[in-house]
Each structure stands twice: as C-alpha cells, then as structure tokens.
C-alpha cells in the first residue's frame, strides 16, 4: 500500500502515512490511550466549567441560623426552674402617716424573687371590733363568714403597696387576671404565718378581720382566707370564701385560666351562676398557685364534698363576697 499524497509505501492497516502524516481511510478504529480523557456533553443541563458544590458554605449558614435561634428565640422558651424573678429583690417603703398607725414589715418570695415592704396598719381599723363578744367570732352559719371580708383604709393601702411591687417586678400595671391573683395569694401565703385561734385569741374558734390578721402577721385558715378575699375584692376581682370539711379557703373568679402544674393534686374550682370560682390555699409558707389544691378529707379530694354540707350550717361551696 502506497500513500496517495507522497507515494511512500505504508504498512498494511496503518491509519496515517509515516512520511507525510496524511490520514488513510483504511478501516482503522481510533481508541484513546488510557491516559487520555473523553468528555461527552450529551446532557442538555451540562454546562462546561460549572463549579462543584461547596458543602462548607451550607454548614456555615446552618451554624449562623442556630446561633441566631439560640440568642433570639430560646430566651423566650426557657424557664428558669428557680423562677423567672430569681436573684432579684423588690421593696416598697411606707411613706404615709405615722400618727394613729402601726408600722409592720413583711417579707415573702415569689417566682424566685424576694419581696419586702413596710406598711402602716390603721389603729382604728384594728381596734374597730376589739370589744366583740367571742361568740360573735364563732361563725356557725357559713354563708355569714363573708361579713368578715372588710375592705377599709388598711386593705386599700396594702393593695396599693402590692400593686406597686407587682409593677416593679413585671414592668406593667396589674389587672384583675390570673397573674395578679397569684401575686396577691403569694403575699398571704409567704408573709402571714400559720397560728391557731387558741394560741392567738384564746378561743377555739375566732374569725379575725383582715386588719387583725395583718397586725399579728399570723392566722389560721379562715383568718388568712378572709384577708386574701379582702385583697382580691379591693383589686377588682369577684372574691369568695370556700367552706370545706374542717377547712376554709379563699376564692376568686377568673374569666380565663391557664392550668399550672399540680402533680398529684387537683384544680379545685366550681361554676356558680355563670362564674367560675377558683380555690386559693392560704395556709402555706411557700407559693402554691390559684386553683391548685392537695387537700383531702378522708380518702377524697376536697372537690368530692362540694354541694354537700350540714343542716343549719350551710353547704360546702364558694360564698361570694358582696360587691
């Protein structure tokens, strides 16, 4: 075989002339050497020179997003188990009249915060019922217990003090809602110690007016319940007293209620005439939210006894304090 270009003899089967390099149509099939690379662009989505995916950039973005969530969102979701006011203290000093007043100091805790106030009790309010017969203070007809919920200058001044402390703690004026009801209840639970009527007044049963309980800074179940109901009433709530077997609690009407944790207790409440009354345990030395009750009589929670009662004394129920 000879090259048609230069006439040089070419080996049979050669694809190119070894003399001039001309391509010879000899049926030779070209195959690349192993070191060569063949690129096929049959995919219409292919773009020559398109950069490879950089996963490090996605990782960086994810880290930034997580940091933003941690800084902005988590503080709103996290609740310190020690209380949202932990480490803070709030105080209110008495600046009113001193003539005719007895100055008392109160301390208590709420949501981890420490509260204190000095407060003037009007002597006339304290002495108003001083000469009552002991029999008048032994209430045998339970509906009449609401007559002891006396809102006078002493209660008005104290509720104003609590309102100022609430504003200090939460940065807003209180309204008659669950939050402020809890705050008032926390004061009664934490600032008023438990004491029997016999140890204080030397009578087995003695219903104390709110000013008396504040003056002594102690009382039993009906004394502290009456004080709490008076503060509720002054704060604009519908207040009540709840009579139970061998016990009394304060009551407050709430239009909306967020159920707090109560473990093995119950939410003690009752709907009467379109109003929902929530029980308030006042004989404690630490905070227990409005509505929560662990009280039992025999083998039953207190709710078991609602609407039962004793002939001539009344029913186990909430008795609304007159407006």
Protein backbone atom coordinates (compact mmCIF):
# COMPACT_ATOMS: atom_id res chain seq x y z
CA UNK A 1 0.00 0.00 0.00
CA UNK A 2 1.31 3.44 -1.02
CA UNK A 3 0.39 6.92 0.30
CA UNK A 4 -1.63 8.82 -2.33
CA UNK A 5 -0.05 12.07 -1.15
CA UNK A 6 3.69 11.37 -1.13
CA UNK A 7 3.83 7.90 -2.76
CA UNK A 8 5.67 6.36 0.19
CA UNK A 9 4.96 2.72 0.98
CA UNK A 10 2.69 2.41 4.01
CA UNK A 11 2.29 -0.74 6.17
CA UNK A 12 -0.96 -2.56 5.71
CA UNK A 13 -3.67 -1.38 8.15
CA UNK A 14 -1.91 1.92 9.05
CA UNK A 15 -4.21 4.88 9.68
CA UNK A 16 -1.58 7.56 8.83
CA UNK A 17 1.29 7.86 6.40
CA UNK A 18 4.60 7.64 8.29
CA UNK A 19 6.08 10.05 5.75
CA UNK A 20 3.64 12.96 5.39
CA UNK A 21 1.11 12.11 8.12
CA UNK A 22 -1.92 12.02 5.82
CA UNK A 23 -4.97 10.20 7.18
CA UNK A 24 -5.60 6.99 5.27
CA UNK A 25 -9.16 5.53 5.08
CA UNK A 26 -8.17 2.02 5.92
CA UNK A 27 -10.92 0.96 8.34
CA UNK A 28 -8.79 1.75 11.40
CA UNK A 29 -10.85 2.44 14.58
CA UNK A 30 -9.30 5.07 16.83
CA UNK A 31 -9.06 4.27 20.56
CA UNK A 32 -7.56 6.73 23.06
CA UNK A 33 -4.66 5.80 25.26
CA UNK A 34 -5.55 5.04 28.88
CA UNK A 35 -4.08 8.40 29.91
CA UNK A 36 -6.49 10.35 27.69
CA UNK A 37 -9.86 11.74 28.88
CA UNK A 38 -13.04 11.78 26.81
CA UNK A 39 -15.82 14.20 27.74
CA UNK A 40 -19.35 13.77 26.43
CA UNK A 41 -21.81 16.67 26.58
CA UNK A 42 -25.00 14.83 25.71
CA UNK A 43 -26.76 16.05 28.88
CA UNK A 44 -28.59 19.29 27.94
CA UNK A 45 -28.22 20.50 31.53
CA UNK A 46 -24.49 20.25 31.40
CA UNK A 47 -22.56 23.49 31.49
CA UNK A 48 -18.87 23.32 30.90
CA UNK A 49 -16.95 24.95 33.72
CA UNK A 50 -19.85 24.80 36.31
CA UNK A 51 -18.27 24.93 39.82
CA UNK A 52 -18.57 21.95 42.06
CA UNK A 53 -20.98 22.15 45.12
CA UNK A 54 -19.26 23.66 48.17
CA UNK A 55 -20.76 21.97 51.28
CA UNK A 56 -18.72 24.15 53.64
CA UNK A 57 -20.85 27.17 52.79
CA UNK A 58 -24.08 25.37 53.75
CA UNK A 59 -22.50 24.34 57.05
CA UNK A 60 -21.57 27.96 57.77
CA UNK A 61 -25.13 29.14 57.05
CA UNK A 62 -26.56 26.44 59.34
CA UNK A 63 -24.25 27.49 62.18
CA UNK A 64 -25.30 31.15 61.80
CA UNK A 65 -29.00 30.20 61.88
CA UNK A 66 -28.53 28.11 65.03
CA UNK A 67 -26.70 30.95 66.78
CA UNK A 68 -29.49 33.41 65.91
CA UNK A 69 -32.12 30.98 67.24
CA UNK A 70 -30.16 30.49 70.45
CA UNK A 71 -29.85 34.24 71.06
CA UNK A 72 -33.28 35.43 69.95
CA UNK A 73 -35.73 32.56 70.38
CA UNK A 74 -34.52 30.38 73.26
CA UNK A 75 -34.72 33.10 75.95
CA UNK A 76 -38.47 33.24 75.32
CA UNK A 77 -38.84 29.47 75.65
CA UNK A 78 -36.52 28.80 78.57
CA UNK A 79 -37.95 28.95 82.07
CA UNK A 80 -35.52 29.02 84.95
CA UNK A 81 -36.68 26.28 87.36
CA UNK A 82 -35.77 28.62 90.21
CA UNK A 83 -38.33 31.16 88.98
CA UNK A 84 -38.30 33.98 86.44
CA UNK A 85 -37.51 36.54 89.18
CA UNK A 86 -34.66 34.53 90.70
CA UNK A 87 -31.90 36.70 92.13
CA UNK A 88 -33.96 39.88 92.10
CA UNK A 89 -35.33 41.78 95.08
CA UNK A 90 -38.16 44.30 95.31
CA UNK A 91 -39.14 46.57 98.18
CA UNK A 92 -41.71 49.21 98.96
CA UNK A 93 -41.29 51.55 101.91
CA UNK A 94 -44.16 53.10 103.84
CA UNK A 95 -44.30 56.88 103.46
CA UNK A 96 -47.77 57.64 104.85
CA UNK A 97 -48.97 58.92 108.18
CA UNK A 98 -47.49 57.54 111.37
CA UNK A 99 -49.83 59.05 113.95
CA UNK A 100 -52.59 56.55 114.56
CA UNK A 101 -50.81 53.84 112.56
CA UNK A 102 -48.74 50.81 113.48
CA UNK A 103 -45.87 50.12 111.09
CA UNK A 104 -45.27 46.49 110.19
CA UNK A 105 -42.72 44.80 107.92
CA UNK A 106 -43.49 41.87 105.64
CA UNK A 107 -41.21 39.60 103.61
CA UNK A 108 -42.05 36.82 101.16
CA UNK A 109 -40.83 35.15 97.97
CA UNK A 110 -42.50 34.79 94.60
CA UNK A 111 -41.13 33.11 91.45
CA UNK A 112 -37.68 33.12 92.99
CA UNK A 113 -37.70 36.86 93.70
CA UNK A 114 -37.54 38.36 97.19
CA UNK A 115 -40.21 40.89 98.17
CA UNK A 116 -40.47 43.13 101.21
CA UNK A 117 -42.47 46.13 102.33
CA UNK A 118 -43.07 48.30 105.35
CA UNK A 119 -46.69 49.10 105.76
CA UNK A 120 -48.94 51.15 108.02
CA UNK A 121 -51.93 49.48 109.70
CA UNK A 122 -54.54 51.98 110.79
CA UNK A 123 -55.11 51.50 114.51
CA UNK A 124 -58.79 52.42 114.18
CA UNK A 125 -59.28 49.54 111.72
CA UNK A 126 -57.55 47.13 114.07
CA UNK A 127 -59.48 48.26 117.16
CA UNK A 128 -62.85 48.53 115.42
CA UNK A 129 -64.09 45.13 116.62
CA UNK A 130 -61.95 44.85 119.72
CA UNK A 131 -64.90 44.58 122.11
CA UNK A 132 -66.83 41.98 120.12
CA UNK A 133 -68.07 39.05 122.14
CA UNK A 134 -66.16 35.84 121.42
CA UNK A 135 -69.46 34.22 120.42
CA UNK A 136 -69.77 36.75 117.59
CA UNK A 137 -66.45 35.48 116.24
CA UNK A 138 -67.55 31.83 116.22
CA UNK A 139 -69.36 31.59 112.88
CA UNK A 140 -71.72 28.63 112.82
CA UNK A 141 -73.70 29.70 109.73
CA UNK A 142 -71.13 29.53 106.94
CA UNK A 143 -72.71 31.99 104.46
CA UNK A 144 -72.30 34.77 107.05
CA UNK A 145 -68.50 34.34 107.01
CA UNK A 146 -68.30 36.80 104.09
CA UNK A 147 -69.28 39.58 106.51
CA UNK A 148 -65.72 39.46 107.85
CA UNK A 149 -64.24 40.42 104.47
CA UNK A 150 -63.85 44.06 105.40
CA UNK A 151 -62.26 46.45 102.89
CA UNK A 152 -61.13 49.57 104.75
CA UNK A 153 -58.20 52.03 104.66
CA UNK A 154 -55.80 49.34 105.83
CA UNK A 155 -56.69 46.96 103.00
CA UNK A 156 -56.80 49.79 100.45
CA UNK A 157 -53.29 50.89 101.38
CA UNK A 158 -51.91 47.34 101.36
CA UNK A 159 -53.37 46.52 97.95
CA UNK A 160 -51.82 49.71 96.59
CA UNK A 161 -48.46 48.60 98.01
CA UNK A 162 -48.78 45.19 96.38
CA UNK A 163 -49.75 46.84 93.09
CA UNK A 164 -46.57 48.94 93.16
CA UNK A 165 -44.44 45.87 93.87
CA UNK A 166 -46.08 43.97 91.02
CA UNK A 167 -45.27 46.84 88.66
CA UNK A 168 -41.65 46.82 89.85
CA UNK A 169 -41.35 43.10 89.19
CA UNK A 170 -43.15 42.85 85.86
CA UNK A 171 -42.95 46.36 84.41
CA UNK A 172 -46.69 46.81 83.98
CA UNK A 173 -49.73 47.79 85.98
CA UNK A 174 -51.67 44.82 87.34
CA UNK A 175 -55.14 43.92 86.12
CA UNK A 176 -57.67 41.52 87.62
CA UNK A 177 -56.25 38.41 85.97
CA UNK A 178 -54.63 35.12 86.98
CA UNK A 179 -51.15 36.66 87.24
CA UNK A 180 -52.13 39.31 89.78
CA UNK A 181 -54.34 36.88 91.69
CA UNK A 182 -51.28 34.60 92.06
CA UNK A 183 -49.22 37.57 93.25
CA UNK A 184 -51.74 38.54 95.96
CA UNK A 185 -52.04 34.91 97.04
CA UNK A 186 -48.25 34.60 97.27
CA UNK A 187 -48.18 37.54 99.69
CA UNK A 188 -50.72 35.93 102.03
CA UNK A 189 -49.00 32.54 101.84
CA UNK A 190 -45.50 33.85 102.40
CA UNK A 191 -45.91 36.88 104.65
CA UNK A 192 -48.56 35.58 107.08
CA UNK A 193 -47.59 32.72 109.38
CA UNK A 194 -49.98 29.99 110.46
CA UNK A 195 -51.27 30.09 114.05
CA UNK A 196 -54.32 28.59 115.73
CA UNK A 197 -57.11 30.72 117.18
CA UNK A 198 -56.45 29.29 120.61
CA UNK A 199 -52.79 30.36 120.60
CA UNK A 200 -53.67 33.88 119.42
CA UNK A 201 -57.08 34.74 120.80
CA UNK A 202 -57.53 32.04 123.45
CA UNK A 203 -60.70 30.73 121.79
CA UNK A 204 -61.13 27.52 119.85
CA UNK A 205 -62.86 29.40 117.02
CA UNK A 206 -62.33 33.09 116.31
CA UNK A 207 -62.92 34.65 112.89
CA UNK A 208 -60.44 37.55 112.60
CA UNK A 209 -60.96 40.66 110.47
CA UNK A 210 -58.23 41.41 107.89
CA UNK A 211 -56.65 44.23 109.95
CA UNK A 212 -56.30 41.89 112.93
CA UNK A 213 -54.52 39.25 110.87
CA UNK A 214 -52.17 41.88 109.40
CA UNK A 215 -51.46 43.30 112.85
CA UNK A 216 -50.45 39.92 114.28
CA UNK A 217 -48.94 38.72 110.95
CA UNK A 218 -50.45 35.28 111.57
CA UNK A 219 -53.73 33.41 111.49
CA UNK A 220 -55.43 30.10 110.76
CA UNK A 221 -57.29 29.03 107.62
CA UNK A 222 -60.35 31.28 107.90
CA UNK A 223 -58.30 34.31 109.04
CA UNK A 224 -55.90 34.15 106.08
CA UNK A 225 -58.72 33.29 103.64
CA UNK A 226 -60.68 36.36 104.79
CA UNK A 227 -57.59 38.57 104.38
CA UNK A 228 -56.92 37.19 100.89
CA UNK A 229 -60.55 37.67 99.83
CA UNK A 230 -60.45 41.30 101.04
CA UNK A 231 -57.34 41.98 98.94
CA UNK A 232 -58.94 40.30 95.92
CA UNK A 233 -62.04 42.45 96.32
CA UNK A 234 -60.03 45.68 96.58
CA UNK A 235 -58.04 44.69 93.47
CA UNK A 236 -61.22 44.44 91.42
CA UNK A 237 -61.81 40.70 91.49
CA UNK A 238 -65.01 38.90 92.40
CA UNK A 239 -63.93 37.27 95.65
CA UNK A 240 -65.35 34.44 97.72
CA UNK A 241 -64.78 32.18 100.71
CA UNK A 242 -64.82 28.42 100.20
CA UNK A 243 -66.12 26.34 103.10
CA UNK A 244 -64.89 22.73 103.26
CA UNK A 245 -64.90 19.95 105.86
CA UNK A 246 -62.80 21.38 108.70
CA UNK A 247 -61.20 23.95 106.42
CA UNK A 248 -61.67 27.26 104.63
CA UNK A 249 -60.01 28.68 101.51
CA UNK A 250 -60.27 31.95 99.63
CA UNK A 251 -61.91 32.03 96.22
CA UNK A 252 -61.53 34.23 93.16
CA UNK A 253 -63.37 34.44 89.85
CA UNK A 254 -61.22 34.32 86.70
CA UNK A 255 -62.54 34.68 83.16
CA UNK A 256 -59.57 32.78 81.74
CA UNK A 257 -57.31 30.25 83.42
CA UNK A 258 -54.05 28.60 82.43
CA UNK A 259 -53.69 25.33 84.32
CA UNK A 260 -50.41 25.23 86.28
CA UNK A 261 -48.50 22.07 87.17
CA UNK A 262 -50.22 20.28 90.05
CA UNK A 263 -48.68 16.79 90.05
CA UNK A 264 -50.89 14.55 92.23
CA UNK A 265 -53.22 17.36 93.35
CA UNK A 266 -56.33 18.78 91.71
CA UNK A 267 -57.61 22.04 90.25
CA UNK A 268 -60.33 22.94 92.72
CA UNK A 269 -62.98 25.14 91.14
CA UNK A 270 -66.72 25.45 90.82
CA UNK A 271 -69.02 27.16 88.35
CA UNK A 272 -71.85 29.05 90.03
CA UNK A 273 -74.27 31.29 88.18
CA UNK A 274 -72.06 31.58 85.12
CA UNK A 275 -68.95 32.44 87.16
CA UNK A 276 -66.04 30.08 87.67
CA UNK A 277 -64.59 30.31 91.19
CA UNK A 278 -61.03 29.05 91.80
CA UNK A 279 -59.86 27.97 95.24
CA UNK A 280 -56.84 29.63 96.91
CA UNK A 281 -54.98 27.79 99.66
CA UNK A 282 -53.73 30.42 102.14
CA UNK A 283 -52.28 28.32 104.98
CA UNK A 284 -48.88 27.69 103.38
CA UNK A 285 -45.45 29.23 103.80
CA UNK A 286 -44.49 28.97 100.11
CA UNK A 287 -46.23 29.74 96.85
CA UNK A 288 -48.99 27.48 95.54
CA UNK A 289 -50.88 28.85 92.51
CA UNK A 290 -54.51 29.85 92.38
CA UNK A 291 -56.73 26.81 91.80
CA UNK A 292 -54.22 24.18 92.91
CA UNK A 293 -55.22 22.04 95.88
CA UNK A 294 -53.72 18.98 97.53
CA UNK A 295 -56.26 18.98 100.35
CA UNK A 296 -58.05 15.78 101.27
CA UNK A 297 -60.64 14.75 103.81
CA UNK A 298 -60.57 11.05 104.47
CA UNK A 299 -59.74 9.42 101.15
CA UNK A 300 -61.24 12.13 98.93
CA UNK A 301 -60.05 15.39 97.43
CA UNK A 302 -61.99 18.45 98.58
CA UNK A 303 -63.89 18.63 95.29
CA UNK A 304 -65.73 15.47 96.34
CA UNK A 305 -67.58 17.43 99.04
CA UNK A 306 -68.74 20.42 97.01
CA UNK A 307 -72.52 20.98 97.30
CA UNK A 308 -72.85 18.66 100.29
CA UNK A 309 -72.90 20.17 103.77
CA UNK A 310 -74.52 20.30 107.18
CA UNK A 311 -78.08 21.21 108.07
CA UNK A 312 -78.24 24.59 109.78
CA UNK A 313 -74.67 25.49 108.88
CA UNK A 314 -74.57 25.56 105.11
CA UNK A 315 -73.10 23.84 102.09
CA UNK A 316 -69.50 23.10 101.23
CA UNK A 317 -69.21 25.64 98.45
CA UNK A 318 -67.96 29.11 97.44
CA UNK A 319 -69.74 32.04 99.10
CA UNK A 320 -69.35 35.20 97.04
CA UNK A 321 -68.31 38.37 98.83
CA UNK A 322 -70.88 41.13 98.16
CA UNK A 323 -69.69 43.82 95.76
